[in-house]
């Protein structure tokens, strides 16, 4: 039997909180792209981009309720690989094979292109280079690996994004699941 709790279910929130409090940190071998150094000042400077990426993932999840941590991580990792190769001057894109992560990959890639265009148009913000996007995606992937509990249908990372990067109130309204005759 599968129970589909809404994201604001108090029992689900309590279970995620308990797991987060008792989660072991990732070992050095488990850290994705451990050779990549992501500086704190860089993250601070690019925090608006991270917020936009988190919002894009949340919007996608709202439209695709089957999205889980594994699918989100798969999409983020594939996109990070794309930007890693772009940083070397080679264009090589390999989206995930599964439909849901592939769709999230496409939406995130499109959103990043829009962010890059708008960052170039705004004054005061440095241009968003391929290497910058790669580092931000590595950071997001590390959070995904740390926050997920490893279960196949886990949504702990997605819950973490909802908690730390809340969408504006008008975007978070979810239709009621109660059916009234």
N, C-alpha and C. Protein backbone atom coordinates (compact mmCIF):
# COMPACT_ATOMS: atom_id res chain seq x y z
N UNK A 1 0.84 -1.17 0.00
CA UNK A 1 0.00 0.00 0.00
C UNK A 1 0.89 1.24 0.00
N UNK A 2 0.54 2.21 -0.81
CA UNK A 2 1.29 3.45 -0.91
C UNK A 2 0.42 4.60 -0.41
N UNK A 3 0.96 5.38 0.49
CA UNK A 3 0.26 6.54 1.02
C UNK A 3 0.93 7.78 0.43
N UNK A 4 0.14 8.62 -0.20
CA UNK A 4 0.66 9.83 -0.81
C UNK A 4 0.33 11.01 0.09
N UNK A 5 1.21 11.26 1.05
CA UNK A 5 1.00 12.36 1.99
C UNK A 5 1.29 13.69 1.29
N UNK A 6 0.53 14.72 1.59
CA UNK A 6 0.89 16.04 1.08
C UNK A 6 2.17 16.51 1.76
N UNK A 7 2.86 17.44 1.14
CA UNK A 7 4.14 17.90 1.66
C UNK A 7 4.04 18.50 3.06
N UNK A 8 2.86 19.02 3.42
CA UNK A 8 2.72 19.65 4.73
C UNK A 8 2.13 18.71 5.79
N UNK A 9 2.11 17.41 5.51
CA UNK A 9 1.61 16.42 6.47
C UNK A 9 2.49 16.46 7.72
N UNK A 10 1.90 16.66 8.91
CA UNK A 10 2.72 16.78 10.12
C UNK A 10 3.51 15.50 10.43
N UNK A 11 2.96 14.35 10.10
CA UNK A 11 3.67 13.10 10.36
C UNK A 11 4.88 12.95 9.44
N UNK A 12 4.71 13.34 8.20
CA UNK A 12 5.81 13.30 7.24
C UNK A 12 6.89 14.29 7.62
N UNK A 13 6.50 15.48 8.03
CA UNK A 13 7.46 16.50 8.46
C UNK A 13 8.24 16.00 9.68
N UNK A 14 7.55 15.40 10.64
CA UNK A 14 8.22 14.87 11.83
C UNK A 14 9.19 13.75 11.47
N UNK A 15 8.80 12.89 10.55
CA UNK A 15 9.68 11.79 10.12
C UNK A 15 10.93 12.33 9.43
N UNK A 16 10.75 13.32 8.57
CA UNK A 16 11.91 13.92 7.89
C UNK A 16 12.82 14.64 8.87
N UNK A 17 12.22 15.32 9.85
CA UNK A 17 13.02 16.01 10.85
C UNK A 17 13.85 15.00 11.66
N UNK A 18 13.23 13.89 12.05
CA UNK A 18 13.94 12.86 12.80
C UNK A 18 15.10 12.30 11.98
N UNK A 19 14.83 11.99 10.71
CA UNK A 19 15.89 11.45 9.86
C UNK A 19 17.03 12.45 9.68
N UNK A 20 16.69 13.73 9.52
CA UNK A 20 17.72 14.75 9.33
C UNK A 20 18.59 14.88 10.58
N UNK A 21 17.98 14.77 11.75
CA UNK A 21 18.73 14.89 12.99
C UNK A 21 19.66 13.70 13.22
N UNK A 22 19.33 12.55 12.66
CA UNK A 22 20.11 11.33 12.87
C UNK A 22 20.91 10.89 11.65
N UNK A 23 20.96 11.74 10.64
CA UNK A 23 21.68 11.39 9.42
C UNK A 23 23.18 11.57 9.63
N UNK A 24 23.94 10.63 9.12
CA UNK A 24 25.39 10.73 9.18
C UNK A 24 25.86 11.60 8.02
N UNK A 25 26.92 12.37 8.23
CA UNK A 25 27.45 13.16 7.11
C UNK A 25 28.02 12.24 6.04
N UNK A 26 28.08 12.74 4.83
CA UNK A 26 28.63 11.94 3.74
C UNK A 26 30.11 11.70 3.98
N UNK A 27 30.55 10.50 3.65
CA UNK A 27 31.99 10.22 3.72
C UNK A 27 32.67 10.90 2.53
N UNK A 28 33.97 11.02 2.58
CA UNK A 28 34.71 11.68 1.52
C UNK A 28 34.46 11.02 0.17
N UNK A 29 34.33 9.71 0.15
CA UNK A 29 34.10 8.99 -1.10
C UNK A 29 32.70 9.22 -1.67
N UNK A 30 31.76 9.57 -0.82
CA UNK A 30 30.38 9.77 -1.26
C UNK A 30 30.11 11.18 -1.79
N UNK A 31 31.03 12.11 -1.54
CA UNK A 31 30.82 13.49 -1.96
C UNK A 31 30.96 13.57 -3.48
N UNK A 32 29.92 14.05 -4.16
CA UNK A 32 30.01 14.18 -5.62
C UNK A 32 31.03 15.25 -6.02
N UNK A 33 31.81 14.95 -7.02
CA UNK A 33 32.80 15.89 -7.55
C UNK A 33 33.68 16.45 -6.44
N UNK A 34 34.24 15.57 -5.64
CA UNK A 34 34.99 16.03 -4.47
C UNK A 34 36.24 16.82 -4.85
N UNK A 35 36.68 16.74 -6.10
CA UNK A 35 37.83 17.52 -6.54
C UNK A 35 37.47 18.98 -6.84
N UNK A 36 36.19 19.29 -6.87
CA UNK A 36 35.73 20.65 -7.15
C UNK A 36 35.60 21.42 -5.84
N UNK A 37 36.29 22.55 -5.78
CA UNK A 37 36.21 23.42 -4.61
C UNK A 37 35.18 24.52 -4.89
N UNK A 38 34.17 24.62 -4.04
CA UNK A 38 33.15 25.66 -4.17
C UNK A 38 33.33 26.60 -2.98
N UNK A 39 33.79 27.81 -3.27
CA UNK A 39 34.08 28.78 -2.22
C UNK A 39 32.80 29.38 -1.64
N UNK A 40 32.85 29.71 -0.37
CA UNK A 40 31.69 30.31 0.31
C UNK A 40 31.35 31.68 -0.26
N UNK A 41 32.37 32.48 -0.56
CA UNK A 41 32.10 33.81 -1.11
C UNK A 41 31.46 33.72 -2.49
N UNK A 42 31.84 32.70 -3.25
CA UNK A 42 31.23 32.47 -4.56
C UNK A 42 29.75 32.13 -4.40
N UNK A 43 29.44 31.25 -3.44
CA UNK A 43 28.05 30.89 -3.18
C UNK A 43 27.24 32.10 -2.73
N UNK A 44 27.82 32.90 -1.88
CA UNK A 44 27.13 34.10 -1.40
C UNK A 44 26.82 35.04 -2.57
N UNK A 45 27.80 35.20 -3.45
CA UNK A 45 27.63 36.09 -4.60
C UNK A 45 26.57 35.56 -5.57
N UNK A 46 26.51 34.24 -5.70
CA UNK A 46 25.60 33.61 -6.67
C UNK A 46 24.34 33.02 -6.02
N UNK A 47 24.07 33.39 -4.79
CA UNK A 47 22.91 32.85 -4.09
C UNK A 47 21.59 33.04 -4.84
N UNK A 48 21.37 34.18 -5.50
CA UNK A 48 20.12 34.33 -6.26
C UNK A 48 19.94 33.25 -7.35
N UNK A 49 21.03 32.80 -7.94
CA UNK A 49 20.95 31.76 -8.97
C UNK A 49 20.57 30.43 -8.33
N UNK A 50 21.15 30.13 -7.18
CA UNK A 50 20.81 28.89 -6.46
C UNK A 50 19.32 28.93 -6.08
N UNK A 51 18.86 30.07 -5.62
CA UNK A 51 17.45 30.22 -5.26
C UNK A 51 16.56 29.98 -6.47
N UNK A 52 16.95 30.50 -7.62
CA UNK A 52 16.16 30.30 -8.84
C UNK A 52 16.15 28.83 -9.27
N UNK A 53 17.29 28.15 -9.14
CA UNK A 53 17.34 26.73 -9.48
C UNK A 53 16.45 25.90 -8.55
N UNK A 54 16.50 26.22 -7.26
CA UNK A 54 15.64 25.52 -6.29
C UNK A 54 14.17 25.76 -6.61
N UNK A 55 13.83 26.98 -6.99
CA UNK A 55 12.44 27.30 -7.35
C UNK A 55 12.03 26.54 -8.61
N UNK A 56 12.93 26.43 -9.57
CA UNK A 56 12.62 25.69 -10.80
C UNK A 56 12.33 24.22 -10.50
N UNK A 57 13.12 23.64 -9.61
CA UNK A 57 12.90 22.24 -9.22
C UNK A 57 11.55 22.10 -8.52
N UNK A 58 11.24 23.03 -7.63
CA UNK A 58 9.97 22.97 -6.90
C UNK A 58 8.78 23.13 -7.83
N UNK A 59 8.87 24.03 -8.79
CA UNK A 59 7.78 24.20 -9.75
C UNK A 59 7.58 22.93 -10.58
N UNK A 60 8.69 22.32 -10.96
CA UNK A 60 8.60 21.08 -11.72
C UNK A 60 7.94 19.99 -10.88
N UNK A 61 8.31 19.91 -9.61
CA UNK A 61 7.72 18.90 -8.73
C UNK A 61 6.23 19.13 -8.54
N UNK A 62 5.82 20.38 -8.47
CA UNK A 62 4.41 20.67 -8.32
C UNK A 62 3.61 20.15 -9.51
N UNK A 63 4.19 20.21 -10.70
CA UNK A 63 3.53 19.71 -11.90
C UNK A 63 3.71 18.21 -12.10
N UNK A 64 4.74 17.64 -11.49
CA UNK A 64 5.07 16.22 -11.66
C UNK A 64 5.24 15.59 -10.28
N UNK A 65 4.14 15.17 -9.71
CA UNK A 65 4.13 14.68 -8.33
C UNK A 65 4.97 13.43 -8.11
N UNK A 66 5.34 12.73 -9.18
CA UNK A 66 6.15 11.52 -9.03
C UNK A 66 7.64 11.82 -8.88
N UNK A 67 8.04 13.07 -9.01
CA UNK A 67 9.45 13.42 -8.88
C UNK A 67 9.94 13.06 -7.48
N UNK A 68 11.08 12.42 -7.41
CA UNK A 68 11.68 12.07 -6.12
C UNK A 68 13.14 12.52 -6.11
N UNK A 69 13.82 12.31 -5.00
CA UNK A 69 15.20 12.76 -4.84
C UNK A 69 16.12 12.14 -5.88
N UNK A 70 15.93 10.86 -6.14
CA UNK A 70 16.80 10.16 -7.08
C UNK A 70 16.68 10.76 -8.48
N UNK A 71 15.47 11.03 -8.92
CA UNK A 71 15.26 11.61 -10.24
C UNK A 71 15.83 13.03 -10.30
N UNK A 72 15.63 13.81 -9.25
CA UNK A 72 16.16 15.17 -9.21
C UNK A 72 17.68 15.15 -9.23
N UNK A 73 18.29 14.26 -8.45
CA UNK A 73 19.75 14.15 -8.43
C UNK A 73 20.29 13.74 -9.79
N UNK A 74 19.60 12.84 -10.43
CA UNK A 74 20.01 12.38 -11.76
C UNK A 74 20.01 13.54 -12.76
N UNK A 75 18.98 14.36 -12.72
CA UNK A 75 18.88 15.52 -13.62
C UNK A 75 19.97 16.54 -13.30
N UNK A 76 20.19 16.83 -12.03
CA UNK A 76 21.21 17.81 -11.63
C UNK A 76 22.60 17.32 -12.04
N UNK A 77 22.86 16.04 -11.82
CA UNK A 77 24.18 15.50 -12.16
C UNK A 77 24.42 15.53 -13.66
N UNK A 78 23.43 15.17 -14.45
CA UNK A 78 23.57 15.21 -15.91
C UNK A 78 23.80 16.64 -16.39
N UNK A 79 23.10 17.59 -15.80
CA UNK A 79 23.28 18.99 -16.18
C UNK A 79 24.65 19.49 -15.75
N UNK A 80 25.13 19.06 -14.60
CA UNK A 80 26.48 19.43 -14.15
C UNK A 80 27.52 18.90 -15.13
N UNK A 81 27.34 17.68 -15.60
CA UNK A 81 28.26 17.11 -16.58
C UNK A 81 28.26 17.91 -17.87
N UNK A 82 27.09 18.33 -18.30
CA UNK A 82 26.98 19.15 -19.51
C UNK A 82 27.78 20.44 -19.34
N UNK A 83 27.62 21.10 -18.21
CA UNK A 83 28.33 22.36 -17.99
C UNK A 83 29.81 22.15 -17.71
N UNK A 84 30.18 20.99 -17.19
CA UNK A 84 31.61 20.69 -17.00
C UNK A 84 32.29 20.62 -18.36
N UNK A 85 31.67 19.92 -19.29
CA UNK A 85 32.27 19.81 -20.62
C UNK A 85 32.20 21.14 -21.37
N UNK A 86 31.13 21.91 -21.17
CA UNK A 86 31.06 23.23 -21.79
C UNK A 86 32.20 24.13 -21.32
N UNK A 87 32.58 23.99 -20.06
CA UNK A 87 33.68 24.77 -19.51
C UNK A 87 35.01 24.46 -20.16
N UNK A 88 35.14 23.28 -20.75
CA UNK A 88 36.38 22.91 -21.44
C UNK A 88 36.32 23.27 -22.92
N UNK A 89 35.18 23.80 -23.36
CA UNK A 89 35.05 24.20 -24.75
C UNK A 89 34.41 23.15 -25.64
N UNK A 90 33.98 22.06 -25.05
CA UNK A 90 33.36 20.98 -25.81
C UNK A 90 31.87 20.99 -25.50
N UNK A 91 31.06 20.89 -26.55
CA UNK A 91 29.62 20.80 -26.33
C UNK A 91 29.23 19.33 -26.38
N UNK A 92 28.91 18.78 -25.22
CA UNK A 92 28.48 17.39 -25.13
C UNK A 92 27.35 17.34 -24.12
N UNK A 93 26.20 16.92 -24.58
CA UNK A 93 25.03 16.89 -23.72
C UNK A 93 24.50 15.47 -23.66
N UNK A 94 24.32 14.97 -22.46
CA UNK A 94 23.76 13.63 -22.28
C UNK A 94 22.71 13.68 -21.17
N UNK A 95 21.47 14.01 -21.54
CA UNK A 95 20.41 14.04 -20.53
C UNK A 95 20.12 12.64 -20.00
N UNK A 96 19.51 12.54 -18.84
CA UNK A 96 19.16 11.22 -18.29
C UNK A 96 18.23 10.46 -19.23
N UNK A 97 18.27 9.15 -19.15
CA UNK A 97 17.43 8.31 -20.01
C UNK A 97 15.98 8.26 -19.56
N UNK A 98 15.76 8.24 -18.25
CA UNK A 98 14.39 8.15 -17.72
C UNK A 98 13.62 9.43 -18.06
N UNK A 99 12.33 9.31 -18.38
CA UNK A 99 11.55 10.48 -18.82
C UNK A 99 11.45 11.62 -17.80
N UNK A 100 11.21 11.29 -16.55
CA UNK A 100 11.01 12.35 -15.55
C UNK A 100 12.29 13.15 -15.30
N UNK A 101 13.44 12.50 -15.03
CA UNK A 101 14.66 13.29 -14.87
C UNK A 101 15.05 14.03 -16.15
N UNK A 102 14.77 13.42 -17.30
CA UNK A 102 15.08 14.07 -18.58
C UNK A 102 14.26 15.36 -18.74
N UNK A 103 13.02 15.30 -18.35
CA UNK A 103 12.16 16.48 -18.43
C UNK A 103 12.64 17.57 -17.46
N UNK A 104 13.00 17.18 -16.24
CA UNK A 104 13.53 18.15 -15.28
C UNK A 104 14.83 18.74 -15.80
N UNK A 105 15.68 17.92 -16.37
CA UNK A 105 16.94 18.37 -16.97
C UNK A 105 16.66 19.46 -18.01
N UNK A 106 15.69 19.20 -18.88
CA UNK A 106 15.35 20.16 -19.93
C UNK A 106 14.84 21.47 -19.36
N UNK A 107 13.98 21.39 -18.35
CA UNK A 107 13.45 22.62 -17.75
C UNK A 107 14.54 23.40 -17.04
N UNK A 108 15.42 22.70 -16.33
CA UNK A 108 16.51 23.40 -15.64
C UNK A 108 17.47 24.03 -16.64
N UNK A 109 17.78 23.33 -17.72
CA UNK A 109 18.68 23.86 -18.75
C UNK A 109 18.07 25.12 -19.38
N UNK A 110 16.78 25.06 -19.67
CA UNK A 110 16.10 26.22 -20.24
C UNK A 110 16.09 27.38 -19.25
N UNK A 111 15.83 27.08 -17.99
CA UNK A 111 15.80 28.12 -16.95
C UNK A 111 17.18 28.76 -16.80
N UNK A 112 18.24 27.94 -16.87
CA UNK A 112 19.60 28.49 -16.77
C UNK A 112 19.91 29.41 -17.94
N UNK A 113 19.46 29.03 -19.13
CA UNK A 113 19.69 29.90 -20.29
C UNK A 113 19.00 31.25 -20.09
N UNK A 114 17.78 31.23 -19.57
CA UNK A 114 17.06 32.48 -19.31
C UNK A 114 17.77 33.31 -18.24
N UNK A 115 18.28 32.62 -17.20
CA UNK A 115 19.01 33.33 -16.15
C UNK A 115 20.27 33.97 -16.71
N UNK A 116 20.96 33.27 -17.58
CA UNK A 116 22.20 33.79 -18.16
C UNK A 116 21.90 35.03 -19.01
N UNK A 117 20.81 35.00 -19.74
CA UNK A 117 20.45 36.16 -20.56
C UNK A 117 20.08 37.34 -19.68
N UNK A 118 19.29 37.08 -18.64
CA UNK A 118 18.85 38.18 -17.77
C UNK A 118 20.00 38.71 -16.91
N UNK A 119 20.94 37.85 -16.53
CA UNK A 119 22.09 38.31 -15.74
C UNK A 119 22.97 39.23 -16.57
N UNK A 120 23.07 38.95 -17.87
CA UNK A 120 23.84 39.82 -18.75
C UNK A 120 23.17 41.17 -18.95
N UNK A 121 21.84 41.20 -18.88
CA UNK A 121 21.10 42.44 -19.09
C UNK A 121 21.10 43.32 -17.85
N UNK A 122 21.17 42.72 -16.67
CA UNK A 122 21.14 43.49 -15.42
C UNK A 122 22.51 44.10 -15.15
N UNK A 123 22.50 45.27 -14.58
CA UNK A 123 23.76 45.90 -14.20
C UNK A 123 24.10 45.49 -12.77
N UNK A 124 25.37 45.41 -12.50
CA UNK A 124 25.80 45.08 -11.15
C UNK A 124 25.99 43.59 -10.90
N UNK A 125 25.45 42.74 -11.76
CA UNK A 125 25.63 41.31 -11.60
C UNK A 125 26.64 40.80 -12.61
N UNK A 126 27.61 40.03 -12.17
CA UNK A 126 28.58 39.51 -13.13
C UNK A 126 27.92 38.48 -14.04
N UNK A 127 28.45 38.34 -15.23
CA UNK A 127 27.92 37.37 -16.18
C UNK A 127 28.07 35.96 -15.61
N UNK A 128 27.15 35.11 -15.95
CA UNK A 128 27.13 33.74 -15.46
C UNK A 128 27.85 32.85 -16.47
N UNK A 129 29.07 32.45 -16.14
CA UNK A 129 29.89 31.63 -17.03
C UNK A 129 29.54 30.15 -16.85
N UNK A 130 29.95 29.33 -17.83
CA UNK A 130 29.72 27.89 -17.77
C UNK A 130 30.34 27.29 -16.51
N UNK A 131 31.55 27.72 -16.17
CA UNK A 131 32.22 27.19 -14.99
C UNK A 131 31.49 27.57 -13.70
N UNK A 132 30.86 28.75 -13.69
CA UNK A 132 30.07 29.18 -12.53
C UNK A 132 28.84 28.28 -12.37
N UNK A 133 28.16 28.04 -13.48
CA UNK A 133 26.96 27.19 -13.44
C UNK A 133 27.35 25.79 -12.98
N UNK A 134 28.48 25.29 -13.47
CA UNK A 134 28.96 23.96 -13.07
C UNK A 134 29.16 23.90 -11.56
N UNK A 135 29.82 24.89 -11.00
CA UNK A 135 30.06 24.89 -9.55
C UNK A 135 28.75 24.96 -8.76
N UNK A 136 27.80 25.75 -9.24
CA UNK A 136 26.51 25.86 -8.56
C UNK A 136 25.75 24.53 -8.61
N UNK A 137 25.82 23.85 -9.74
CA UNK A 137 25.15 22.55 -9.87
C UNK A 137 25.83 21.50 -8.99
N UNK A 138 27.16 21.56 -8.88
CA UNK A 138 27.87 20.64 -7.99
C UNK A 138 27.43 20.88 -6.55
N UNK A 139 27.33 22.15 -6.16
CA UNK A 139 26.86 22.48 -4.82
C UNK A 139 25.46 21.93 -4.57
N UNK A 140 24.57 22.13 -5.53
CA UNK A 140 23.19 21.63 -5.41
C UNK A 140 23.16 20.11 -5.35
N UNK A 141 24.00 19.46 -6.13
CA UNK A 141 24.07 17.99 -6.11
C UNK A 141 24.58 17.49 -4.76
N UNK A 142 25.54 18.18 -4.19
CA UNK A 142 26.05 17.79 -2.87
C UNK A 142 24.96 17.91 -1.81
N UNK A 143 24.17 18.97 -1.90
CA UNK A 143 23.04 19.11 -0.97
C UNK A 143 22.06 17.97 -1.17
N UNK A 144 21.78 17.64 -2.43
CA UNK A 144 20.83 16.55 -2.73
C UNK A 144 21.32 15.24 -2.13
N UNK A 145 22.58 14.95 -2.28
CA UNK A 145 23.13 13.69 -1.74
C UNK A 145 23.10 13.69 -0.21
N UNK A 146 23.37 14.84 0.39
CA UNK A 146 23.39 14.92 1.85
C UNK A 146 21.98 14.85 2.44
N UNK A 147 21.04 15.49 1.81
CA UNK A 147 19.70 15.59 2.38
C UNK A 147 18.80 14.40 2.06
N UNK A 148 19.10 13.66 1.02
CA UNK A 148 18.27 12.51 0.68
C UNK A 148 18.56 11.36 1.64
N UNK A 149 17.53 10.58 1.93
CA UNK A 149 17.74 9.46 2.85
C UNK A 149 18.10 8.18 2.12
N UNK A 150 18.19 8.22 0.80
CA UNK A 150 18.63 7.07 0.03
C UNK A 150 17.55 6.09 -0.36
N UNK A 151 16.35 6.29 0.12
CA UNK A 151 15.25 5.39 -0.27
C UNK A 151 14.83 5.70 -1.70
N UNK A 152 14.33 4.70 -2.43
CA UNK A 152 14.00 4.90 -3.84
C UNK A 152 13.00 6.02 -4.11
N UNK A 153 11.99 6.17 -3.27
CA UNK A 153 10.96 7.19 -3.50
C UNK A 153 11.09 8.38 -2.56
N UNK A 154 12.25 8.54 -1.97
CA UNK A 154 12.48 9.61 -1.01
C UNK A 154 12.26 10.98 -1.64
N UNK A 155 11.68 11.86 -0.84
CA UNK A 155 11.51 13.26 -1.25
C UNK A 155 12.07 14.19 -0.17
N UNK A 156 13.03 13.71 0.59
CA UNK A 156 13.60 14.51 1.67
C UNK A 156 14.36 15.72 1.12
N UNK A 157 15.12 15.54 0.05
CA UNK A 157 15.83 16.67 -0.56
C UNK A 157 14.84 17.70 -1.10
N UNK A 158 13.78 17.22 -1.74
CA UNK A 158 12.77 18.14 -2.27
C UNK A 158 12.08 18.88 -1.13
N UNK A 159 11.85 18.21 -0.02
CA UNK A 159 11.30 18.86 1.16
C UNK A 159 12.26 19.90 1.72
N UNK A 160 13.54 19.58 1.70
CA UNK A 160 14.57 20.52 2.13
C UNK A 160 14.51 21.80 1.28
N UNK A 161 14.37 21.62 -0.03
CA UNK A 161 14.27 22.79 -0.91
C UNK A 161 13.04 23.63 -0.58
N UNK A 162 11.90 22.96 -0.32
CA UNK A 162 10.67 23.69 0.03
C UNK A 162 10.86 24.49 1.31
N UNK A 163 11.58 23.89 2.26
CA UNK A 163 11.76 24.54 3.56
C UNK A 163 12.76 25.70 3.49
N UNK A 164 13.86 25.51 2.79
CA UNK A 164 14.93 26.51 2.75
C UNK A 164 14.74 27.58 1.67
N UNK A 165 14.01 27.22 0.62
CA UNK A 165 13.80 28.14 -0.50
C UNK A 165 12.31 28.23 -0.81
N UNK A 166 11.51 28.79 0.10
CA UNK A 166 10.07 28.81 -0.12
C UNK A 166 9.67 29.65 -1.33
N UNK A 167 8.71 29.13 -2.07
CA UNK A 167 8.16 29.85 -3.21
C UNK A 167 7.24 30.94 -2.70
N UNK A 168 6.99 31.97 -3.49
CA UNK A 168 6.01 32.98 -3.09
C UNK A 168 4.65 32.34 -2.81
N UNK A 169 3.88 32.93 -1.94
CA UNK A 169 2.60 32.37 -1.48
C UNK A 169 1.66 32.04 -2.63
N UNK A 170 1.61 32.87 -3.66
CA UNK A 170 0.67 32.61 -4.76
C UNK A 170 1.07 31.38 -5.57
N UNK A 171 2.33 30.96 -5.48
CA UNK A 171 2.77 29.79 -6.24
C UNK A 171 2.61 28.49 -5.46
N UNK A 172 2.42 28.56 -4.16
CA UNK A 172 2.40 27.36 -3.34
C UNK A 172 1.02 26.78 -3.10
N UNK A 173 0.00 27.46 -3.55
CA UNK A 173 -1.36 26.95 -3.31
C UNK A 173 -1.55 25.65 -4.06
N UNK A 174 -1.86 24.61 -3.30
CA UNK A 174 -2.09 23.29 -3.87
C UNK A 174 -3.58 23.00 -3.81
N UNK A 175 -4.14 22.45 -4.87
CA UNK A 175 -5.57 22.15 -4.82
C UNK A 175 -5.87 21.11 -3.77
N UNK A 176 -7.04 21.20 -3.20
CA UNK A 176 -7.44 20.26 -2.16
C UNK A 176 -7.57 18.86 -2.74
N UNK A 177 -7.18 17.87 -1.95
CA UNK A 177 -7.28 16.48 -2.38
C UNK A 177 -8.56 15.84 -1.85
N UNK A 178 -9.35 16.59 -1.12
CA UNK A 178 -10.59 16.07 -0.57
C UNK A 178 -11.65 16.17 -1.66
N UNK A 179 -12.31 15.08 -1.92
CA UNK A 179 -13.35 15.04 -2.94
C UNK A 179 -14.70 15.20 -2.25
N UNK A 180 -15.41 16.23 -2.66
CA UNK A 180 -16.73 16.49 -2.07
C UNK A 180 -17.79 16.08 -3.09
N UNK A 181 -18.73 15.19 -2.68
CA UNK A 181 -19.73 14.74 -3.62
C UNK A 181 -20.72 15.81 -4.01
